[in-house]
């Protein structure tokens, strides 16, 4: 009985995820104050956007191509 209802329950939960609305402040609250250097008040969408410094592109591969290393005259054995 429960196993038969589980797919319908999952579909009902997923159906609620599809709604999209514009962001707006809650009733009785306001947006944060305007930044000092800004010319106008940012919209909620602009406040939620991240810049490149906050989300940098990551690369796990340190070398993009295989190259032979140059001799390092300062790489000395331990004494």
PDB file of N, CA and C in Angstrom:
ATOM      1  N   UNK A   1       0.826  -1.189   0.000  1.00  0.00           N
ATOM      2  CA  UNK A   1       0.000   0.000   0.000  1.00  0.00           C
ATOM      3  C   UNK A   1       0.877   1.262   0.000  1.00  0.00           C
ATOM      4  N   UNK A   2       1.844   1.306   0.905  1.00  0.00           N
ATOM      5  CA  UNK A   2       2.716   2.492   1.007  1.00  0.00           C
ATOM      6  C   UNK A   2       3.621   2.588  -0.216  1.00  0.00           C
ATOM      7  N   UNK A   3       4.094   1.442  -0.707  1.00  0.00           N
ATOM      8  CA  UNK A   3       4.968   1.454  -1.883  1.00  0.00           C
ATOM      9  C   UNK A   3       4.226   1.956  -3.123  1.00  0.00           C
ATOM     10  N   UNK A   4       2.931   1.732  -3.180  1.00  0.00           N
ATOM     11  CA  UNK A   4       2.155   2.192  -4.325  1.00  0.00           C
ATOM     12  C   UNK A   4       1.955   3.705  -4.288  1.00  0.00           C
ATOM     13  N   UNK A   5       1.914   4.296  -3.098  1.00  0.00           N
ATOM     14  CA  UNK A   5       1.711   5.734  -2.955  1.00  0.00           C
ATOM     15  C   UNK A   5       3.014   6.522  -3.034  1.00  0.00           C
ATOM     16  N   UNK A   6       4.139   5.872  -2.871  1.00  0.00           N
ATOM     17  CA  UNK A   6       5.429   6.553  -2.849  1.00  0.00           C
ATOM     18  C   UNK A   6       5.739   7.309  -4.145  1.00  0.00           C
ATOM     19  N   UNK A   7       5.508   6.767  -5.340  1.00  0.00           N
ATOM     20  CA  UNK A   7       5.759   7.548  -6.564  1.00  0.00           C
ATOM     21  C   UNK A   7       4.860   8.782  -6.677  1.00  0.00           C
ATOM     22  N   UNK A   8       3.602   8.663  -6.258  1.00  0.00           N
ATOM     23  CA  UNK A   8       2.700   9.813  -6.317  1.00  0.00           C
ATOM     24  C   UNK A   8       3.124  10.892  -5.329  1.00  0.00           C
ATOM     25  N   UNK A   9       3.599  10.491  -4.164  1.00  0.00           N
ATOM     26  CA  UNK A   9       4.087  11.439  -3.171  1.00  0.00           C
ATOM     27  C   UNK A   9       5.325  12.165  -3.689  1.00  0.00           C
ATOM     28  N   UNK A  10       6.214  11.420  -4.340  1.00  0.00           N
ATOM     29  CA  UNK A  10       7.418  12.030  -4.901  1.00  0.00           C
ATOM     30  C   UNK A  10       7.066  13.024  -6.006  1.00  0.00           C
ATOM     31  N   UNK A  11       6.122  12.687  -6.858  1.00  0.00           N
ATOM     32  CA  UNK A  11       5.686  13.610  -7.916  1.00  0.00           C
ATOM     33  C   UNK A  11       5.017  14.850  -7.335  1.00  0.00           C
ATOM     34  N   UNK A  12       4.263  14.686  -6.271  1.00  0.00           N
ATOM     35  CA  UNK A  12       3.604  15.835  -5.640  1.00  0.00           C
ATOM     36  C   UNK A  12       4.643  16.777  -5.037  1.00  0.00           C
ATOM     37  N   UNK A  13       5.691  16.225  -4.441  1.00  0.00           N
ATOM     38  CA  UNK A  13       6.755  17.059  -3.875  1.00  0.00           C
ATOM     39  C   UNK A  13       7.528  17.784  -4.967  1.00  0.00           C
ATOM     40  N   UNK A  14       7.788  17.106  -6.067  1.00  0.00           N
ATOM     41  CA  UNK A  14       8.510  17.735  -7.167  1.00  0.00           C
ATOM     42  C   UNK A  14       7.687  18.809  -7.864  1.00  0.00           C
ATOM     43  N   UNK A  15       6.381  18.686  -7.853  1.00  0.00           N
ATOM     44  CA  UNK A  15       5.529  19.670  -8.507  1.00  0.00           C
ATOM     45  C   UNK A  15       5.634  21.032  -7.825  1.00  0.00           C
ATOM     46  N   UNK A  16       5.875  21.050  -6.530  1.00  0.00           N
ATOM     47  CA  UNK A  16       6.014  22.312  -5.811  1.00  0.00           C
ATOM     48  C   UNK A  16       7.320  23.012  -6.095  1.00  0.00           C
ATOM     49  N   UNK A  17       8.314  22.315  -6.613  1.00  0.00           N
ATOM     50  CA  UNK A  17       9.613  22.920  -6.892  1.00  0.00           C
ATOM     51  C   UNK A  17       9.607  23.741  -8.178  1.00  0.00           C
ATOM     52  N   UNK A  18       8.631  23.576  -9.017  1.00  0.00           N
ATOM     53  CA  UNK A  18       8.644  24.221 -10.314  1.00  0.00           C
ATOM     54  C   UNK A  18       8.147  25.652 -10.331  1.00  0.00           C
ATOM     55  N   UNK A  19       7.580  26.129  -9.237  1.00  0.00           N
ATOM     56  CA  UNK A  19       7.046  27.495  -9.263  1.00  0.00           C
ATOM     57  C   UNK A  19       8.179  28.506  -9.156  1.00  0.00           C
ATOM     58  N   UNK A  20       8.111  29.550  -9.978  1.00  0.00           N
ATOM     59  CA  UNK A  20       9.116  30.611  -9.989  1.00  0.00           C
ATOM     60  C   UNK A  20       8.391  31.933  -9.859  1.00  0.00           C
ATOM     61  N   UNK A  21       8.905  32.774  -8.969  1.00  0.00           N
ATOM     62  CA  UNK A  21       8.336  34.092  -8.791  1.00  0.00           C
ATOM     63  C   UNK A  21       9.471  35.086  -8.637  1.00  0.00           C
ATOM     64  N   UNK A  22       9.179  36.354  -8.872  1.00  0.00           N
ATOM     65  CA  UNK A  22      10.172  37.386  -8.625  1.00  0.00           C
ATOM     66  C   UNK A  22      10.380  37.524  -7.126  1.00  0.00           C
ATOM     67  N   UNK A  23      11.620  37.807  -6.747  1.00  0.00           N
ATOM     68  CA  UNK A  23      11.923  38.002  -5.341  1.00  0.00           C
ATOM     69  C   UNK A  23      11.414  39.360  -4.891  1.00  0.00           C
ATOM     70  N   UNK A  24      10.881  39.419  -3.706  1.00  0.00           N
ATOM     71  CA  UNK A  24      10.438  40.680  -3.128  1.00  0.00           C
ATOM     72  C   UNK A  24      10.539  40.547  -1.618  1.00  0.00           C
ATOM     73  N   UNK A  25      10.694  41.674  -0.917  1.00  0.00           N
ATOM     74  CA  UNK A  25      10.819  41.593   0.539  1.00  0.00           C
ATOM     75  C   UNK A  25       9.520  41.125   1.181  1.00  0.00           C
ATOM     76  N   UNK A  26       9.647  40.526   2.359  1.00  0.00           N
ATOM     77  CA  UNK A  26       8.468  40.093   3.101  1.00  0.00           C
ATOM     78  C   UNK A  26       7.623  41.300   3.485  1.00  0.00           C
ATOM     79  N   UNK A  27       6.370  41.054   3.796  1.00  0.00           N
ATOM     80  CA  UNK A  27       5.470  42.123   4.209  1.00  0.00           C
ATOM     81  C   UNK A  27       5.997  42.717   5.516  1.00  0.00           C
ATOM     82  N   UNK A  28       6.121  44.032   5.557  1.00  0.00           N
ATOM     83  CA  UNK A  28       6.589  44.707   6.762  1.00  0.00           C
ATOM     84  C   UNK A  28       8.094  44.883   6.824  1.00  0.00           C
ATOM     85  N   UNK A  29       8.839  44.341   5.879  1.00  0.00           N
ATOM     86  CA  UNK A  29      10.297  44.516   5.874  1.00  0.00           C
ATOM     87  C   UNK A  29      10.710  45.221   4.594  1.00  0.00           C
ATOM     88  N   UNK A  30      11.923  45.752   4.605  1.00  0.00           N
ATOM     89  CA  UNK A  30      12.426  46.502   3.457  1.00  0.00           C
ATOM     90  C   UNK A  30      13.721  45.879   2.965  1.00  0.00           C
ATOM     91  N   UNK A  31      14.149  46.322   1.786  1.00  0.00           N
ATOM     92  CA  UNK A  31      15.444  45.899   1.261  1.00  0.00           C
ATOM     93  C   UNK A  31      16.553  46.513   2.101  1.00  0.00           C
ATOM     94  N   UNK A  32      17.754  45.949   2.067  1.00  0.00           N
ATOM     95  CA  UNK A  32      18.874  46.559   2.774  1.00  0.00           C
ATOM     96  C   UNK A  32      19.139  47.964   2.248  1.00  0.00           C
ATOM     97  N   UNK A  33      19.787  48.813   3.044  1.00  0.00           N
ATOM     98  CA  UNK A  33      20.053  50.173   2.571  1.00  0.00           C
ATOM     99  C   UNK A  33      20.952  50.169   1.342  1.00  0.00           C
ATOM    100  N   UNK A  34      20.832  51.230   0.557  1.00  0.00           N
ATOM    101  CA  UNK A  34      21.604  51.370  -0.673  1.00  0.00           C
ATOM    102  C   UNK A  34      23.091  51.493  -0.330  1.00  0.00           C
ATOM    103  N   UNK A  35      23.975  50.769  -1.050  1.00  0.00           N
ATOM    104  CA  UNK A  35      25.409  50.928  -0.815  1.00  0.00           C
ATOM    105  C   UNK A  35      25.855  52.367  -1.072  1.00  0.00           C
ATOM    106  N   UNK A  36      26.886  52.808  -0.354  1.00  0.00           N
ATOM    107  CA  UNK A  36      27.320  54.202  -0.432  1.00  0.00           C
ATOM    108  C   UNK A  36      27.781  54.585  -1.839  1.00  0.00           C
ATOM    109  N   UNK A  37      28.450  53.689  -2.538  1.00  0.00           N
ATOM    110  CA  UNK A  37      28.991  54.013  -3.857  1.00  0.00           C
ATOM    111  C   UNK A  37      27.987  53.776  -4.993  1.00  0.00           C
ATOM    112  N   UNK A  38      26.828  53.191  -4.691  1.00  0.00           N
ATOM    113  CA  UNK A  38      25.852  52.873  -5.735  1.00  0.00           C
ATOM    114  C   UNK A  38      25.054  54.112  -6.119  1.00  0.00           C
ATOM    115  N   UNK A  39      24.683  54.192  -7.392  1.00  0.00           N
ATOM    116  CA  UNK A  39      23.882  55.324  -7.858  1.00  0.00           C
ATOM    117  C   UNK A  39      22.394  55.103  -7.618  1.00  0.00           C
ATOM    118  N   UNK A  40      21.946  53.831  -7.587  1.00  0.00           N
ATOM    119  CA  UNK A  40      20.545  53.543  -7.334  1.00  0.00           C
ATOM    120  C   UNK A  40      20.419  52.289  -6.478  1.00  0.00           C
ATOM    121  N   UNK A  41      19.231  52.042  -5.956  1.00  0.00           N
ATOM    122  CA  UNK A  41      18.971  50.889  -5.089  1.00  0.00           C
ATOM    123  C   UNK A  41      18.984  49.604  -5.916  1.00  0.00           C
ATOM    124  N   UNK A  42      19.812  48.599  -5.545  1.00  0.00           N
ATOM    125  CA  UNK A  42      19.813  47.337  -6.286  1.00  0.00           C
ATOM    126  C   UNK A  42      18.498  46.583  -6.097  1.00  0.00           C
ATOM    127  N   UNK A  43      18.084  45.876  -7.121  1.00  0.00           N
ATOM    128  CA  UNK A  43      16.879  45.055  -7.047  1.00  0.00           C
ATOM    129  C   UNK A  43      17.194  43.764  -6.288  1.00  0.00           C
ATOM    130  N   UNK A  44      16.185  43.035  -5.827  1.00  0.00           N
ATOM    131  CA  UNK A  44      16.458  41.766  -5.138  1.00  0.00           C
ATOM    132  C   UNK A  44      17.253  40.785  -6.005  1.00  0.00           C
ATOM    133  N   UNK A  45      16.985  40.756  -7.313  1.00  0.00           N
ATOM    134  CA  UNK A  45      17.729  39.865  -8.203  1.00  0.00           C
ATOM    135  C   UNK A  45      19.199  40.265  -8.267  1.00  0.00           C
ATOM    136  N   UNK A  46      19.470  41.555  -8.320  1.00  0.00           N
ATOM    137  CA  UNK A  46      20.860  42.021  -8.344  1.00  0.00           C
ATOM    138  C   UNK A  46      21.560  41.731  -7.023  1.00  0.00           C
ATOM    139  N   UNK A  47      20.832  41.786  -5.919  1.00  0.00           N
ATOM    140  CA  UNK A  47      21.434  41.480  -4.616  1.00  0.00           C
ATOM    141  C   UNK A  47      21.781  40.000  -4.498  1.00  0.00           C
ATOM    142  N   UNK A  48      21.033  39.137  -5.179  1.00  0.00           N
ATOM    143  CA  UNK A  48      21.284  37.695  -5.102  1.00  0.00           C
ATOM    144  C   UNK A  48      22.385  37.234  -6.054  1.00  0.00           C
ATOM    145  N   UNK A  49      22.719  38.051  -7.056  1.00  0.00           N
ATOM    146  CA  UNK A  49      23.728  37.661  -8.049  1.00  0.00           C
ATOM    147  C   UNK A  49      25.122  37.703  -7.416  1.00  0.00           C
ATOM    148  N   UNK A  50      25.957  36.745  -7.779  1.00  0.00           N
ATOM    149  CA  UNK A  50      27.333  36.713  -7.285  1.00  0.00           C
ATOM    150  C   UNK A  50      28.280  37.174  -8.384  1.00  0.00           C
ATOM    151  N   UNK A  51      29.372  37.772  -7.971  1.00  0.00           N
ATOM    152  CA  UNK A  51      30.361  38.211  -8.950  1.00  0.00           C
ATOM    153  C   UNK A  51      31.420  37.126  -9.128  1.00  0.00           C
ATOM    154  N   UNK A  52      32.360  37.360 -10.035  1.00  0.00           N
ATOM    155  CA  UNK A  52      33.380  36.357 -10.335  1.00  0.00           C
ATOM    156  C   UNK A  52      34.295  36.093  -9.156  1.00  0.00           C
ATOM    157  N   UNK A  53      34.511  37.082  -8.312  1.00  0.00           N
ATOM    158  CA  UNK A  53      35.392  36.885  -7.166  1.00  0.00           C
ATOM    159  C   UNK A  53      34.735  35.983  -6.122  1.00  0.00           C
ATOM    160  N   UNK A  54      33.424  36.043  -6.005  1.00  0.00           N
ATOM    161  CA  UNK A  54      32.722  35.210  -5.044  1.00  0.00           C
ATOM    162  C   UNK A  54      32.619  33.763  -5.518  1.00  0.00           C
ATOM    163  N   UNK A  55      32.539  33.539  -6.822  1.00  0.00           N
ATOM    164  CA  UNK A  55      32.450  32.192  -7.383  1.00  0.00           C
ATOM    165  C   UNK A  55      33.460  32.042  -8.511  1.00  0.00           C
ATOM    166  N   UNK A  56      34.739  31.871  -8.175  1.00  0.00           N
ATOM    167  CA  UNK A  56      35.747  31.770  -9.231  1.00  0.00           C
ATOM    168  C   UNK A  56      35.646  30.440  -9.971  1.00  0.00           C
ATOM    169  N   UNK A  57      36.138  30.438 -11.193  1.00  0.00           N
ATOM    170  CA  UNK A  57      36.207  29.198 -11.958  1.00  0.00           C
ATOM    171  C   UNK A  57      37.310  28.334 -11.373  1.00  0.00           C
ATOM    172  N   UNK A  58      37.031  27.073 -11.205  1.00  0.00           N
ATOM    173  CA  UNK A  58      37.998  26.156 -10.604  1.00  0.00           C
ATOM    174  C   UNK A  58      38.543  25.220 -11.684  1.00  0.00           C
ATOM    175  N   UNK A  59      39.796  24.868 -11.518  1.00  0.00           N
ATOM    176  CA  UNK A  59      40.416  23.906 -12.413  1.00  0.00           C
ATOM    177  C   UNK A  59      41.255  22.958 -11.578  1.00  0.00           C
ATOM    178  N   UNK A  60      40.977  21.681 -11.684  1.00  0.00           N
ATOM    179  CA  UNK A  60      41.735  20.699 -10.913  1.00  0.00           C
ATOM    180  C   UNK A  60      43.073  20.378 -11.566  1.00  0.00           C
ATOM    181  N   UNK A  61      43.177  20.627 -12.864  1.00  0.00           N
ATOM    182  CA  UNK A  61      44.403  20.287 -13.577  1.00  0.00           C
ATOM    183  C   UNK A  61      45.354  21.478 -13.537  1.00  0.00           C
ATOM    184  N   UNK A  62      46.494  21.302 -12.863  1.00  0.00           N
ATOM    185  CA  UNK A  62      47.457  22.396 -12.739  1.00  0.00           C
ATOM    186  C   UNK A  62      48.183  22.638 -14.070  1.00  0.00           C
ATOM    187  N   UNK A  63      48.464  21.572 -14.800  1.00  0.00           N
ATOM    188  CA  UNK A  63      49.147  21.706 -16.087  1.00  0.00           C
ATOM    189  C   UNK A  63      48.158  21.443 -17.213  1.00  0.00           C
ATOM    190  N   UNK A  64      48.135  22.321 -18.176  1.00  0.00           N
ATOM    191  CA  UNK A  64      47.230  22.109 -19.302  1.00  0.00           C
ATOM    192  C   UNK A  64      47.860  21.240 -20.377  1.00  0.00           C
ATOM    193  N   UNK A  65      49.196  21.209 -20.426  1.00  0.00           N
ATOM    194  CA  UNK A  65      49.866  20.309 -21.355  1.00  0.00           C
ATOM    195  C   UNK A  65      51.171  19.846 -20.709  1.00  0.00           C
ATOM    196  N   UNK A  66      51.640  18.700 -21.136  1.00  0.00           N
ATOM    197  CA  UNK A  66      52.843  18.117 -20.548  1.00  0.00           C
ATOM    198  C   UNK A  66      54.076  18.799 -21.125  1.00  0.00           C
ATOM    199  N   UNK A  67      54.900  19.350 -20.238  1.00  0.00           N
ATOM    200  CA  UNK A  67      56.124  20.016 -20.664  1.00  0.00           C
ATOM    201  C   UNK A  67      57.281  19.576 -19.775  1.00  0.00           C
ATOM    202  N   UNK A  68      58.448  19.552 -20.351  1.00  0.00           N
ATOM    203  CA  UNK A  68      59.640  19.215 -19.575  1.00  0.00           C
ATOM    204  C   UNK A  68      60.032  20.434 -18.738  1.00  0.00           C
ATOM    205  N   UNK A  69      60.344  20.196 -17.461  1.00  0.00           N
ATOM    206  CA  UNK A  69      60.676  21.290 -16.567  1.00  0.00           C
ATOM    207  C   UNK A  69      62.077  21.811 -16.856  1.00  0.00           C
ATOM    208  N   UNK A  70      62.238  23.116 -16.714  1.00  0.00           N
ATOM    209  CA  UNK A  70      63.546  23.742 -16.876  1.00  0.00           C
ATOM    210  C   UNK A  70      64.406  23.450 -15.647  1.00  0.00           C
ATOM    211  N   UNK A  71      65.709  23.389 -15.844  1.00  0.00           N
ATOM    212  CA  UNK A  71      66.607  23.197 -14.715  1.00  0.00           C
ATOM    213  C   UNK A  71      66.545  24.418 -13.803  1.00  0.00           C
ATOM    214  N   UNK A  72      66.527  24.147 -12.493  1.00  0.00           N
ATOM    215  CA  UNK A  72      66.482  25.213 -11.513  1.00  0.00           C
ATOM    216  C   UNK A  72      67.818  25.244 -10.786  1.00  0.00           C
ATOM    217  N   UNK A  73      68.588  26.303 -10.998  1.00  0.00           N
ATOM    218  CA  UNK A  73      69.918  26.362 -10.384  1.00  0.00           C
ATOM    219  C   UNK A  73      69.838  26.576  -8.873  1.00  0.00           C
ATOM    220  N   UNK A  74      68.688  26.963  -8.352  1.00  0.00           N
ATOM    221  CA  UNK A  74      68.547  27.148  -6.904  1.00  0.00           C
ATOM    222  C   UNK A  74      68.002  25.918  -6.196  1.00  0.00           C
ATOM    223  N   UNK A  75      67.671  24.856  -6.932  1.00  0.00           N
ATOM    224  CA  UNK A  75      67.185  23.635  -6.312  1.00  0.00           C
ATOM    225  C   UNK A  75      68.387  22.809  -5.872  1.00  0.00           C
ATOM    226  N   UNK A  76      68.743  22.952  -4.624  1.00  0.00           N
ATOM    227  CA  UNK A  76      69.926  22.295  -4.073  1.00  0.00           C
ATOM    228  C   UNK A  76      69.500  21.162  -3.156  1.00  0.00           C
ATOM    229  N   UNK A  77      70.353  20.135  -3.041  1.00  0.00           N
ATOM    230  CA  UNK A  77      70.020  19.035  -2.119  1.00  0.00           C
ATOM    231  C   UNK A  77      70.105  19.526  -0.666  1.00  0.00           C
ATOM    232  N   UNK A  78      69.378  18.899   0.241  1.00  0.00           N
ATOM    233  CA  UNK A  78      69.439  19.312   1.637  1.00  0.00           C
ATOM    234  C   UNK A  78      70.838  19.078   2.219  1.00  0.00           C
ATOM    235  N   UNK A  79      71.233  19.935   3.151  1.00  0.00           N
ATOM    236  CA  UNK A  79      72.564  19.778   3.777  1.00  0.00           C
ATOM    237  C   UNK A  79      72.466  19.200   5.144  1.00  0.00           C
TER     238      UNK A  79
END
